[in-house]
């Protein structure tokens, strides 16, 4: 039975008590790791373990879980928005041929770096929690495929995946590897050194306008239509059936665990709003504040890799 929820601006979650010897030992190890800074007391980790140990957890992850894999987030200290990066919008991509060429040129370089990214301890810990029977649903706002690479199964990719390409005219789906081969063939001399710190969560890189001259975009092999990565751009709606699957996953859950998301965008925050409305407790692990902190039963401001590794150990 779900516990009674307290009120907050978006609905509320219950406070969760904790404080167990195993969690204390794990927290002590974290405190002695010089690479880790936990900004909340050990009791918060105990509360988180107590909540997760109940099982039937739905996970909602954001870009922050992939920063330890070398992929910057949007709003973190070194994130894309701190560099004044403007994400591609659906309207610009579909209506402006120049904007579309700019995106594919930048993505041509960025995807190659994204595809080499490896899952980190946070991804592996989520997979371990799933394999241990505690996590039943995983919703990710990321398009990097690292949850699956880290061993997780049945991941709902809310915003799609960079691994796939869709034709906007005929709907044909192809792999990004196939498109990359075609773009290489069309642009044999397009080579530029790219700073890994300029890769963005949506898979492109920051590149000066003068370096884009001459880049050739390829079209759909079947119909000659416009190709687009199978991801949801800003200004584009998430497919209704995918949103329904996410709502169903939260509805079945006993708790919602938010990992590495500032919850600034409604696309992800709506599931926190759903959980609090249903009286489902929400736990948030993120570096920096989120828009739903006051709705959380448990809140940790801490690096995700070591914190989730500790959580998996404490609940095993």
C-alpha atoms as a PDB file:
ATOM      1  CA  UNK A   1       0.000   0.000   0.000  1.00  0.00           C
ATOM      2  CA  UNK A   2       1.328   3.423  -0.888  1.00  0.00           C
ATOM      3  CA  UNK A   3       2.013   5.746   2.058  1.00  0.00           C
ATOM      4  CA  UNK A   4       0.075   8.962   2.495  1.00  0.00           C
ATOM      5  CA  UNK A   5       1.655  11.862   0.614  1.00  0.00           C
ATOM      6  CA  UNK A   6       2.452  15.267   2.052  1.00  0.00           C
ATOM      7  CA  UNK A   7       1.538  18.386   0.096  1.00  0.00           C
ATOM      8  CA  UNK A   8       3.910  20.368  -2.106  1.00  0.00           C
ATOM      9  CA  UNK A   9       3.429  22.830  -4.986  1.00  0.00           C
ATOM     10  CA  UNK A  10       3.089  19.972  -7.520  1.00  0.00           C
ATOM     11  CA  UNK A  11       1.607  17.421  -5.147  1.00  0.00           C
ATOM     12  CA  UNK A  12       3.679  15.686  -2.459  1.00  0.00           C
ATOM     13  CA  UNK A  13       5.526  12.596  -1.332  1.00  0.00           C
ATOM     14  CA  UNK A  14       5.891  11.094   2.132  1.00  0.00           C
ATOM     15  CA  UNK A  15       8.933  11.410   4.309  1.00  0.00           C
ATOM     16  CA  UNK A  16      10.844   8.143   4.595  1.00  0.00           C
ATOM     17  CA  UNK A  17      12.716   7.108   7.708  1.00  0.00           C
ATOM     18  CA  UNK A  18      15.969   5.169   7.575  1.00  0.00           C
ATOM     19  CA  UNK A  19      19.412   4.770   9.084  1.00  0.00           C
ATOM     20  CA  UNK A  20      20.775   1.228   8.861  1.00  0.00           C
ATOM     21  CA  UNK A  21      24.268  -0.114   9.634  1.00  0.00           C
ATOM     22  CA  UNK A  22      24.897  -1.233   6.049  1.00  0.00           C
ATOM     23  CA  UNK A  23      24.039   2.217   4.700  1.00  0.00           C
ATOM     24  CA  UNK A  24      26.235   3.841   7.330  1.00  0.00           C
ATOM     25  CA  UNK A  25      29.184   1.706   6.235  1.00  0.00           C
ATOM     26  CA  UNK A  26      28.611   2.577   2.581  1.00  0.00           C
ATOM     27  CA  UNK A  27      28.324   6.284   3.397  1.00  0.00           C
ATOM     28  CA  UNK A  28      31.546   6.088   5.360  1.00  0.00           C
ATOM     29  CA  UNK A  29      33.342   4.678   2.313  1.00  0.00           C
ATOM     30  CA  UNK A  30      31.987   7.536   0.222  1.00  0.00           C
ATOM     31  CA  UNK A  31      33.185  10.113   2.727  1.00  0.00           C
ATOM     32  CA  UNK A  32      36.723   8.729   2.516  1.00  0.00           C
ATOM     33  CA  UNK A  33      36.720   8.812  -1.295  1.00  0.00           C
ATOM     34  CA  UNK A  34      38.437  12.099  -2.139  1.00  0.00           C
ATOM     35  CA  UNK A  35      36.807  12.179  -5.570  1.00  0.00           C
ATOM     36  CA  UNK A  36      33.316  12.218  -4.068  1.00  0.00           C
ATOM     37  CA  UNK A  37      31.455  14.996  -2.281  1.00  0.00           C
ATOM     38  CA  UNK A  38      28.172  14.176  -0.561  1.00  0.00           C
ATOM     39  CA  UNK A  39      26.474  17.426   0.361  1.00  0.00           C
ATOM     40  CA  UNK A  40      23.687  15.865   2.435  1.00  0.00           C
ATOM     41  CA  UNK A  41      24.014  13.772   5.611  1.00  0.00           C
ATOM     42  CA  UNK A  42      24.312  10.011   5.670  1.00  0.00           C
ATOM     43  CA  UNK A  43      20.673   9.795   6.784  1.00  0.00           C
ATOM     44  CA  UNK A  44      19.585  10.817   3.277  1.00  0.00           C
ATOM     45  CA  UNK A  45      21.353   7.814   1.761  1.00  0.00           C
ATOM     46  CA  UNK A  46      19.719   5.625   4.397  1.00  0.00           C
ATOM     47  CA  UNK A  47      16.328   7.097   3.527  1.00  0.00           C
ATOM     48  CA  UNK A  48      16.942   6.441  -0.156  1.00  0.00           C
ATOM     49  CA  UNK A  49      17.959   2.821   0.489  1.00  0.00           C
ATOM     50  CA  UNK A  50      14.896   2.310   2.688  1.00  0.00           C
ATOM     51  CA  UNK A  51      12.620   3.583  -0.063  1.00  0.00           C
ATOM     52  CA  UNK A  52      14.253   1.594  -2.864  1.00  0.00           C
ATOM     53  CA  UNK A  53      14.355  -1.610  -0.823  1.00  0.00           C
ATOM     54  CA  UNK A  54      10.539  -1.680  -0.950  1.00  0.00           C
ATOM     55  CA  UNK A  55      10.902  -2.485  -4.640  1.00  0.00           C
ATOM     56  CA  UNK A  56       8.741  -1.706  -7.653  1.00  0.00           C
ATOM     57  CA  UNK A  57      10.735   1.463  -8.348  1.00  0.00           C
ATOM     58  CA  UNK A  58      10.278   3.489 -11.529  1.00  0.00           C
ATOM     59  CA  UNK A  59      13.421   5.349 -12.626  1.00  0.00           C
ATOM     60  CA  UNK A  60      13.381   8.643 -14.525  1.00  0.00           C
ATOM     61  CA  UNK A  61      16.851   9.613 -15.724  1.00  0.00           C
ATOM     62  CA  UNK A  62      18.190  12.759 -17.330  1.00  0.00           C
ATOM     63  CA  UNK A  63      21.402  14.035 -18.881  1.00  0.00           C
ATOM     64  CA  UNK A  64      23.148  14.222 -15.504  1.00  0.00           C
ATOM     65  CA  UNK A  65      23.521  10.448 -15.320  1.00  0.00           C
ATOM     66  CA  UNK A  66      25.670  10.466 -18.464  1.00  0.00           C
ATOM     67  CA  UNK A  67      28.088  13.276 -17.567  1.00  0.00           C
ATOM     68  CA  UNK A  68      30.482  10.758 -15.991  1.00  0.00           C
ATOM     69  CA  UNK A  69      30.613   9.101 -19.427  1.00  0.00           C
ATOM     70  CA  UNK A  70      31.940  12.334 -20.897  1.00  0.00           C
ATOM     71  CA  UNK A  71      28.654  13.655 -22.282  1.00  0.00           C
ATOM     72  CA  UNK A  72      27.893  17.150 -20.940  1.00  0.00           C
ATOM     73  CA  UNK A  73      24.407  17.908 -19.674  1.00  0.00           C
ATOM     74  CA  UNK A  74      22.391  21.016 -20.508  1.00  0.00           C
ATOM     75  CA  UNK A  75      22.258  22.976 -17.268  1.00  0.00           C
ATOM     76  CA  UNK A  76      25.237  21.764 -15.216  1.00  0.00           C
ATOM     77  CA  UNK A  77      28.382  23.805 -14.519  1.00  0.00           C
ATOM     78  CA  UNK A  78      29.948  22.772 -17.852  1.00  0.00           C
ATOM     79  CA  UNK A  79      26.680  22.099 -19.630  1.00  0.00           C
ATOM     80  CA  UNK A  80      25.586  23.070 -23.108  1.00  0.00           C
ATOM     81  CA  UNK A  81      23.551  26.074 -21.948  1.00  0.00           C
ATOM     82  CA  UNK A  82      26.564  27.468 -20.083  1.00  0.00           C
ATOM     83  CA  UNK A  83      28.305  27.638 -23.480  1.00  0.00           C
ATOM     84  CA  UNK A  84      25.301  29.463 -24.981  1.00  0.00           C
ATOM     85  CA  UNK A  85      24.481  26.417 -27.075  1.00  0.00           C
ATOM     86  CA  UNK A  86      21.097  26.650 -28.795  1.00  0.00           C
ATOM     87  CA  UNK A  87      19.554  23.202 -29.346  1.00  0.00           C
ATOM     88  CA  UNK A  88      18.058  22.411 -32.718  1.00  0.00           C
ATOM     89  CA  UNK A  89      14.292  22.898 -32.856  1.00  0.00           C
ATOM     90  CA  UNK A  90      11.907  20.794 -34.892  1.00  0.00           C
ATOM     91  CA  UNK A  91      10.593  23.868 -36.664  1.00  0.00           C
ATOM     92  CA  UNK A  92      14.067  25.020 -37.786  1.00  0.00           C
ATOM     93  CA  UNK A  93      15.096  21.521 -38.856  1.00  0.00           C
ATOM     94  CA  UNK A  94      12.020  20.920 -41.003  1.00  0.00           C
ATOM     95  CA  UNK A  95      11.633  24.404 -42.494  1.00  0.00           C
ATOM     96  CA  UNK A  96      15.197  25.661 -43.004  1.00  0.00           C
ATOM     97  CA  UNK A  97      17.543  23.762 -45.306  1.00  0.00           C
ATOM     98  CA  UNK A  98      20.538  25.720 -44.030  1.00  0.00           C
ATOM     99  CA  UNK A  99      19.708  24.904 -40.409  1.00  0.00           C
ATOM    100  CA  UNK A 100      19.296  21.251 -41.382  1.00  0.00           C
ATOM    101  CA  UNK A 101      22.711  21.199 -43.064  1.00  0.00           C
ATOM    102  CA  UNK A 102      24.235  22.885 -40.012  1.00  0.00           C
ATOM    103  CA  UNK A 103      22.755  20.248 -37.726  1.00  0.00           C
ATOM    104  CA  UNK A 104      23.935  17.288 -39.808  1.00  0.00           C
ATOM    105  CA  UNK A 105      27.454  18.703 -40.155  1.00  0.00           C
ATOM    106  CA  UNK A 106      27.744  19.190 -36.402  1.00  0.00           C
ATOM    107  CA  UNK A 107      26.060  15.884 -35.676  1.00  0.00           C
ATOM    108  CA  UNK A 108      28.338  14.098 -38.150  1.00  0.00           C
ATOM    109  CA  UNK A 109      31.245  14.949 -35.841  1.00  0.00           C
ATOM    110  CA  UNK A 110      29.362  14.744 -32.552  1.00  0.00           C
ATOM    111  CA  UNK A 111      27.730  11.369 -33.072  1.00  0.00           C
ATOM    112  CA  UNK A 112      31.080   9.719 -33.666  1.00  0.00           C
ATOM    113  CA  UNK A 113      32.164  10.874 -30.214  1.00  0.00           C
ATOM    114  CA  UNK A 114      28.821   9.976 -28.625  1.00  0.00           C
ATOM    115  CA  UNK A 115      28.993   6.484 -30.108  1.00  0.00           C
ATOM    116  CA  UNK A 116      32.323   5.898 -28.371  1.00  0.00           C
ATOM    117  CA  UNK A 117      30.951   6.837 -24.932  1.00  0.00           C
ATOM    118  CA  UNK A 118      30.800   3.980 -22.431  1.00  0.00           C
ATOM    119  CA  UNK A 119      28.282   3.411 -19.647  1.00  0.00           C
ATOM    120  CA  UNK A 120      29.449   4.591 -16.249  1.00  0.00           C
ATOM    121  CA  UNK A 121      28.945   3.339 -12.701  1.00  0.00           C
ATOM    122  CA  UNK A 122      25.565   5.058 -12.483  1.00  0.00           C
ATOM    123  CA  UNK A 123      24.198   3.217 -15.529  1.00  0.00           C
ATOM    124  CA  UNK A 124      25.568  -0.080 -14.255  1.00  0.00           C
ATOM    125  CA  UNK A 125      24.089   0.489 -10.797  1.00  0.00           C
ATOM    126  CA  UNK A 126      20.626   1.118 -12.248  1.00  0.00           C
ATOM    127  CA  UNK A 127      20.949  -2.113 -14.244  1.00  0.00           C
ATOM    128  CA  UNK A 128      21.995  -3.934 -11.067  1.00  0.00           C
ATOM    129  CA  UNK A 129      18.980  -2.598  -9.184  1.00  0.00           C
ATOM    130  CA  UNK A 130      16.793  -3.819 -12.038  1.00  0.00           C
ATOM    131  CA  UNK A 131      18.443  -7.248 -12.051  1.00  0.00           C
ATOM    132  CA  UNK A 132      17.960  -7.435  -8.274  1.00  0.00           C
ATOM    133  CA  UNK A 133      14.224  -7.000  -8.785  1.00  0.00           C
ATOM    134  CA  UNK A 134      13.960  -3.559  -7.194  1.00  0.00           C
ATOM    135  CA  UNK A 135      13.590  -1.421 -10.333  1.00  0.00           C
ATOM    136  CA  UNK A 136      10.745  -2.388 -12.630  1.00  0.00           C
ATOM    137  CA  UNK A 137      10.575   0.504 -15.060  1.00  0.00           C
ATOM    138  CA  UNK A 138      13.220   2.810 -16.565  1.00  0.00           C
ATOM    139  CA  UNK A 139      12.299   6.002 -18.382  1.00  0.00           C
ATOM    140  CA  UNK A 140      15.191   7.999 -19.784  1.00  0.00           C
ATOM    141  CA  UNK A 141      15.185  11.463 -21.287  1.00  0.00           C
ATOM    142  CA  UNK A 142      18.595  10.697 -22.807  1.00  0.00           C
ATOM    143  CA  UNK A 143      19.231   9.685 -26.405  1.00  0.00           C
ATOM    144  CA  UNK A 144      22.645   8.059 -25.876  1.00  0.00           C
ATOM    145  CA  UNK A 145      21.631   4.411 -25.313  1.00  0.00           C
ATOM    146  CA  UNK A 146      23.939   4.088 -22.295  1.00  0.00           C
ATOM    147  CA  UNK A 147      21.352   2.529 -19.992  1.00  0.00           C
ATOM    148  CA  UNK A 148      21.059  -0.426 -22.364  1.00  0.00           C
ATOM    149  CA  UNK A 149      24.828  -0.555 -22.860  1.00  0.00           C
ATOM    150  CA  UNK A 150      25.143  -0.710 -19.077  1.00  0.00           C
ATOM    151  CA  UNK A 151      22.939  -3.793 -18.878  1.00  0.00           C
ATOM    152  CA  UNK A 152      19.438  -2.385 -18.382  1.00  0.00           C
ATOM    153  CA  UNK A 153      16.476  -3.862 -20.226  1.00  0.00           C
ATOM    154  CA  UNK A 154      13.064  -2.579 -21.304  1.00  0.00           C
ATOM    155  CA  UNK A 155      14.144   1.065 -21.234  1.00  0.00           C
ATOM    156  CA  UNK A 156      11.583   3.595 -22.474  1.00  0.00           C
ATOM    157  CA  UNK A 157      13.502   6.196 -24.479  1.00  0.00           C
ATOM    158  CA  UNK A 158      11.220   9.186 -23.966  1.00  0.00           C
ATOM    159  CA  UNK A 159      13.070  11.371 -26.458  1.00  0.00           C
ATOM    160  CA  UNK A 160      14.173   8.634 -28.855  1.00  0.00           C
ATOM    161  CA  UNK A 161      17.666   7.461 -29.739  1.00  0.00           C
ATOM    162  CA  UNK A 162      20.541   8.792 -31.810  1.00  0.00           C
ATOM    163  CA  UNK A 163      21.186   5.239 -33.011  1.00  0.00           C
ATOM    164  CA  UNK A 164      18.236   5.493 -35.391  1.00  0.00           C
ATOM    165  CA  UNK A 165      17.347   7.737 -38.325  1.00  0.00           C
ATOM    166  CA  UNK A 166      13.822   8.301 -39.651  1.00  0.00           C
ATOM    167  CA  UNK A 167      12.602   9.634 -42.969  1.00  0.00           C
ATOM    168  CA  UNK A 168      10.073  12.408 -42.411  1.00  0.00           C
ATOM    169  CA  UNK A 169       8.388  11.602 -45.719  1.00  0.00           C
ATOM    170  CA  UNK A 170       8.009   7.820 -45.876  1.00  0.00           C
ATOM    171  CA  UNK A 171       8.720   6.923 -42.233  1.00  0.00           C
ATOM    172  CA  UNK A 172      11.480   4.454 -43.041  1.00  0.00           C
ATOM    173  CA  UNK A 173      13.826   3.724 -40.132  1.00  0.00           C
ATOM    174  CA  UNK A 174      17.520   3.063 -40.678  1.00  0.00           C
ATOM    175  CA  UNK A 175      20.547   2.807 -38.431  1.00  0.00           C
ATOM    176  CA  UNK A 176      22.795   5.739 -37.671  1.00  0.00           C
ATOM    177  CA  UNK A 177      25.774   3.612 -38.664  1.00  0.00           C
ATOM    178  CA  UNK A 178      24.331   3.276 -42.166  1.00  0.00           C
ATOM    179  CA  UNK A 179      23.775   7.035 -42.381  1.00  0.00           C
ATOM    180  CA  UNK A 180      27.275   7.718 -41.095  1.00  0.00           C
ATOM    181  CA  UNK A 181      28.738   5.585 -43.882  1.00  0.00           C
ATOM    182  CA  UNK A 182      26.736   7.545 -46.454  1.00  0.00           C
ATOM    183  CA  UNK A 183      27.762  10.914 -44.971  1.00  0.00           C
ATOM    184  CA  UNK A 184      31.412   9.830 -44.975  1.00  0.00           C
ATOM    185  CA  UNK A 185      31.115   8.970 -48.642  1.00  0.00           C
ATOM    186  CA  UNK A 186      29.469  12.295 -49.453  1.00  0.00           C
ATOM    187  CA  UNK A 187      31.980  14.314 -47.401  1.00  0.00           C
ATOM    188  CA  UNK A 188      35.373  12.595 -47.697  1.00  0.00           C
ATOM    189  CA  UNK A 189      37.313  15.762 -46.833  1.00  0.00           C
ATOM    190  CA  UNK A 190      35.140  16.985 -43.943  1.00  0.00           C
ATOM    191  CA  UNK A 191      37.468  16.493 -40.989  1.00  0.00           C
ATOM    192  CA  UNK A 192      37.777  18.796 -38.026  1.00  0.00           C
ATOM    193  CA  UNK A 193      39.354  18.359 -34.625  1.00  0.00           C
ATOM    194  CA  UNK A 194      36.595  18.443 -32.025  1.00  0.00           C
ATOM    195  CA  UNK A 195      36.928  19.292 -28.357  1.00  0.00           C
ATOM    196  CA  UNK A 196      35.083  16.611 -26.339  1.00  0.00           C
ATOM    197  CA  UNK A 197      33.815  19.369 -24.040  1.00  0.00           C
ATOM    198  CA  UNK A 198      31.812  20.837 -26.930  1.00  0.00           C
ATOM    199  CA  UNK A 199      29.710  17.710 -27.485  1.00  0.00           C
ATOM    200  CA  UNK A 200      26.079  18.345 -26.568  1.00  0.00           C
ATOM    201  CA  UNK A 201      23.518  15.947 -25.077  1.00  0.00           C
ATOM    202  CA  UNK A 202      21.550  16.023 -28.345  1.00  0.00           C
ATOM    203  CA  UNK A 203      24.539  14.600 -30.219  1.00  0.00           C
ATOM    204  CA  UNK A 204      25.998  17.548 -32.104  1.00  0.00           C
ATOM    205  CA  UNK A 205      29.041  19.701 -31.409  1.00  0.00           C
ATOM    206  CA  UNK A 206      29.762  23.410 -31.379  1.00  0.00           C
ATOM    207  CA  UNK A 207      31.331  24.244 -34.729  1.00  0.00           C
ATOM    208  CA  UNK A 208      32.107  27.593 -36.327  1.00  0.00           C
ATOM    209  CA  UNK A 209      29.845  28.567 -39.233  1.00  0.00           C
ATOM    210  CA  UNK A 210      32.747  28.942 -41.668  1.00  0.00           C
ATOM    211  CA  UNK A 211      33.653  25.278 -41.138  1.00  0.00           C
ATOM    212  CA  UNK A 212      30.247  24.144 -42.388  1.00  0.00           C
ATOM    213  CA  UNK A 213      30.730  25.267 -45.983  1.00  0.00           C
ATOM    214  CA  UNK A 214      30.501  22.474 -48.490  1.00  0.00           C
ATOM    215  CA  UNK A 215      28.991  19.850 -46.183  1.00  0.00           C
ATOM    216  CA  UNK A 216      26.656  17.613 -48.212  1.00  0.00           C
ATOM    217  CA  UNK A 217      23.442  16.278 -46.671  1.00  0.00           C
ATOM    218  CA  UNK A 218      22.068  12.953 -47.932  1.00  0.00           C
ATOM    219  CA  UNK A 219      18.401  12.063 -48.356  1.00  0.00           C
ATOM    220  CA  UNK A 220      16.295   8.941 -47.872  1.00  0.00           C
ATOM    221  CA  UNK A 221      17.417   6.078 -50.101  1.00  0.00           C
ATOM    222  CA  UNK A 222      13.853   4.861 -50.622  1.00  0.00           C
ATOM    223  CA  UNK A 223      11.981   8.076 -51.413  1.00  0.00           C
ATOM    224  CA  UNK A 224      14.458  10.952 -51.467  1.00  0.00           C
ATOM    225  CA  UNK A 225      12.796  12.501 -48.414  1.00  0.00           C
ATOM    226  CA  UNK A 226      14.275  14.418 -45.496  1.00  0.00           C
ATOM    227  CA  UNK A 227      16.182  12.362 -42.931  1.00  0.00           C
ATOM    228  CA  UNK A 228      16.069  13.232 -39.231  1.00  0.00           C
ATOM    229  CA  UNK A 229      17.610  11.540 -36.199  1.00  0.00           C
ATOM    230  CA  UNK A 230      14.917   9.529 -34.426  1.00  0.00           C
ATOM    231  CA  UNK A 231      14.962  11.879 -31.454  1.00  0.00           C
ATOM    232  CA  UNK A 232      12.502  14.448 -30.170  1.00  0.00           C
ATOM    233  CA  UNK A 233      13.806  17.938 -30.877  1.00  0.00           C
ATOM    234  CA  UNK A 234      12.853  20.979 -28.848  1.00  0.00           C
ATOM    235  CA  UNK A 235       9.434  22.113 -30.054  1.00  0.00           C
ATOM    236  CA  UNK A 236       8.470  18.586 -31.120  1.00  0.00           C
ATOM    237  CA  UNK A 237       5.893  16.440 -29.339  1.00  0.00           C
ATOM    238  CA  UNK A 238       6.762  13.082 -27.831  1.00  0.00           C
ATOM    239  CA  UNK A 239       4.671  10.335 -29.502  1.00  0.00           C
ATOM    240  CA  UNK A 240       1.460   9.820 -27.527  1.00  0.00           C
ATOM    241  CA  UNK A 241       1.873   6.046 -27.197  1.00  0.00           C
ATOM    242  CA  UNK A 242       5.347   6.528 -25.699  1.00  0.00           C
ATOM    243  CA  UNK A 243       4.025   9.044 -23.172  1.00  0.00           C
ATOM    244  CA  UNK A 244       1.232   6.600 -22.302  1.00  0.00           C
ATOM    245  CA  UNK A 245       3.795   3.842 -21.676  1.00  0.00           C
ATOM    246  CA  UNK A 246       5.690   6.168 -19.306  1.00  0.00           C
ATOM    247  CA  UNK A 247       2.534   7.109 -17.429  1.00  0.00           C
ATOM    248  CA  UNK A 248       1.664   3.432 -17.074  1.00  0.00           C
ATOM    249  CA  UNK A 249       5.127   2.666 -15.697  1.00  0.00           C
ATOM    250  CA  UNK A 250       4.784   5.385 -13.047  1.00  0.00           C
ATOM    251  CA  UNK A 251       1.228   4.354 -12.231  1.00  0.00           C
ATOM    252  CA  UNK A 252       2.397   0.788 -11.448  1.00  0.00           C
ATOM    253  CA  UNK A 253       5.298   1.958  -9.287  1.00  0.00           C
ATOM    254  CA  UNK A 254       5.612   2.156  -5.521  1.00  0.00           C
ATOM    255  CA  UNK A 255       8.169   4.983  -5.820  1.00  0.00           C
ATOM    256  CA  UNK A 256       9.751   7.193  -8.466  1.00  0.00           C
ATOM    257  CA  UNK A 257      13.532   7.676  -8.484  1.00  0.00           C
ATOM    258  CA  UNK A 258      14.726  10.715 -10.459  1.00  0.00           C
ATOM    259  CA  UNK A 259      18.384  10.560 -11.495  1.00  0.00           C
ATOM    260  CA  UNK A 260      20.385  13.397 -13.020  1.00  0.00           C
ATOM    261  CA  UNK A 261      17.560  15.665 -14.138  1.00  0.00           C
ATOM    262  CA  UNK A 262      16.882  19.270 -13.208  1.00  0.00           C
ATOM    263  CA  UNK A 263      13.214  18.627 -14.089  1.00  0.00           C
ATOM    264  CA  UNK A 264      13.120  22.031 -15.748  1.00  0.00           C
ATOM    265  CA  UNK A 265      11.328  20.770 -18.847  1.00  0.00           C
ATOM    266  CA  UNK A 266       7.729  19.598 -18.577  1.00  0.00           C
ATOM    267  CA  UNK A 267       8.452  16.546 -20.735  1.00  0.00           C
ATOM    268  CA  UNK A 268      10.082  14.827 -17.741  1.00  0.00           C
ATOM    269  CA  UNK A 269       8.605  16.798 -14.848  1.00  0.00           C
ATOM    270  CA  UNK A 270       5.080  15.635 -15.700  1.00  0.00           C
ATOM    271  CA  UNK A 271       5.923  12.191 -14.312  1.00  0.00           C
ATOM    272  CA  UNK A 272       6.922  13.695 -10.958  1.00  0.00           C
ATOM    273  CA  UNK A 273       3.643  15.593 -10.991  1.00  0.00           C
ATOM    274  CA  UNK A 274       1.819  12.338 -11.748  1.00  0.00           C
ATOM    275  CA  UNK A 275       3.579  10.487  -8.942  1.00  0.00           C
ATOM    276  CA  UNK A 276       2.893  13.134  -6.325  1.00  0.00           C
ATOM    277  CA  UNK A 277      -0.741  13.371  -7.363  1.00  0.00           C
ATOM    278  CA  UNK A 278      -1.072   9.600  -6.883  1.00  0.00           C
ATOM    279  CA  UNK A 279       0.734   9.675  -3.522  1.00  0.00           C
ATOM    280  CA  UNK A 280       3.775   7.851  -4.906  1.00  0.00           C
ATOM    281  CA  UNK A 281       6.920   8.969  -3.041  1.00  0.00           C
ATOM    282  CA  UNK A 282       9.583  10.666  -5.151  1.00  0.00           C
ATOM    283  CA  UNK A 283      13.327  10.496  -4.537  1.00  0.00           C
ATOM    284  CA  UNK A 284      15.749  12.770  -6.414  1.00  0.00           C
ATOM    285  CA  UNK A 285      19.499  12.331  -6.861  1.00  0.00           C
ATOM    286  CA  UNK A 286      21.014  15.207  -8.803  1.00  0.00           C
ATOM    287  CA  UNK A 287      23.949  17.584  -8.642  1.00  0.00           C
ATOM    288  CA  UNK A 288      22.355  20.969  -8.171  1.00  0.00           C
ATOM    289  CA  UNK A 289      18.766  22.028  -7.518  1.00  0.00           C
ATOM    290  CA  UNK A 290      15.767  20.737  -9.425  1.00  0.00           C
ATOM    291  CA  UNK A 291      12.395  22.269 -10.071  1.00  0.00           C
ATOM    292  CA  UNK A 292      10.696  19.586  -7.956  1.00  0.00           C
ATOM    293  CA  UNK A 293      12.955  19.498  -4.891  1.00  0.00           C
ATOM    294  CA  UNK A 294      10.099  20.511  -2.623  1.00  0.00           C
ATOM    295  CA  UNK A 295       8.086  17.504  -3.812  1.00  0.00           C
ATOM    296  CA  UNK A 296      10.768  14.955  -2.925  1.00  0.00           C
ATOM    297  CA  UNK A 297      10.539  12.575   0.006  1.00  0.00           C
ATOM    298  CA  UNK A 298      14.291  12.058  -0.308  1.00  0.00           C
ATOM    299  CA  UNK A 299      16.746  14.461  -1.931  1.00  0.00           C
ATOM    300  CA  UNK A 300      20.475  13.897  -2.458  1.00  0.00           C
ATOM    301  CA  UNK A 301      22.758  16.474  -4.034  1.00  0.00           C
ATOM    302  CA  UNK A 302      25.615  14.155  -4.935  1.00  0.00           C
ATOM    303  CA  UNK A 303      27.526  12.608  -7.873  1.00  0.00           C
ATOM    304  CA  UNK A 304      25.430   9.868  -9.384  1.00  0.00           C
ATOM    305  CA  UNK A 305      28.040   7.170 -10.097  1.00  0.00           C
ATOM    306  CA  UNK A 306      29.285   6.622  -6.547  1.00  0.00           C
ATOM    307  CA  UNK A 307      25.903   7.354  -4.965  1.00  0.00           C
ATOM    308  CA  UNK A 308      24.059   4.790  -7.088  1.00  0.00           C
ATOM    309  CA  UNK A 309      26.856   2.257  -6.628  1.00  0.00           C
ATOM    310  CA  UNK A 310      26.455   2.744  -2.886  1.00  0.00           C
ATOM    311  CA  UNK A 311      22.692   2.394  -3.204  1.00  0.00           C
ATOM    312  CA  UNK A 312      22.997  -0.865  -5.140  1.00  0.00           C
ATOM    313  CA  UNK A 313      25.385  -2.230  -2.501  1.00  0.00           C
ATOM    314  CA  UNK A 314      23.176  -1.098   0.379  1.00  0.00           C
ATOM    315  CA  UNK A 315      20.057  -2.748  -1.084  1.00  0.00           C
ATOM    316  CA  UNK A 316      21.622  -5.985  -2.332  1.00  0.00           C
END
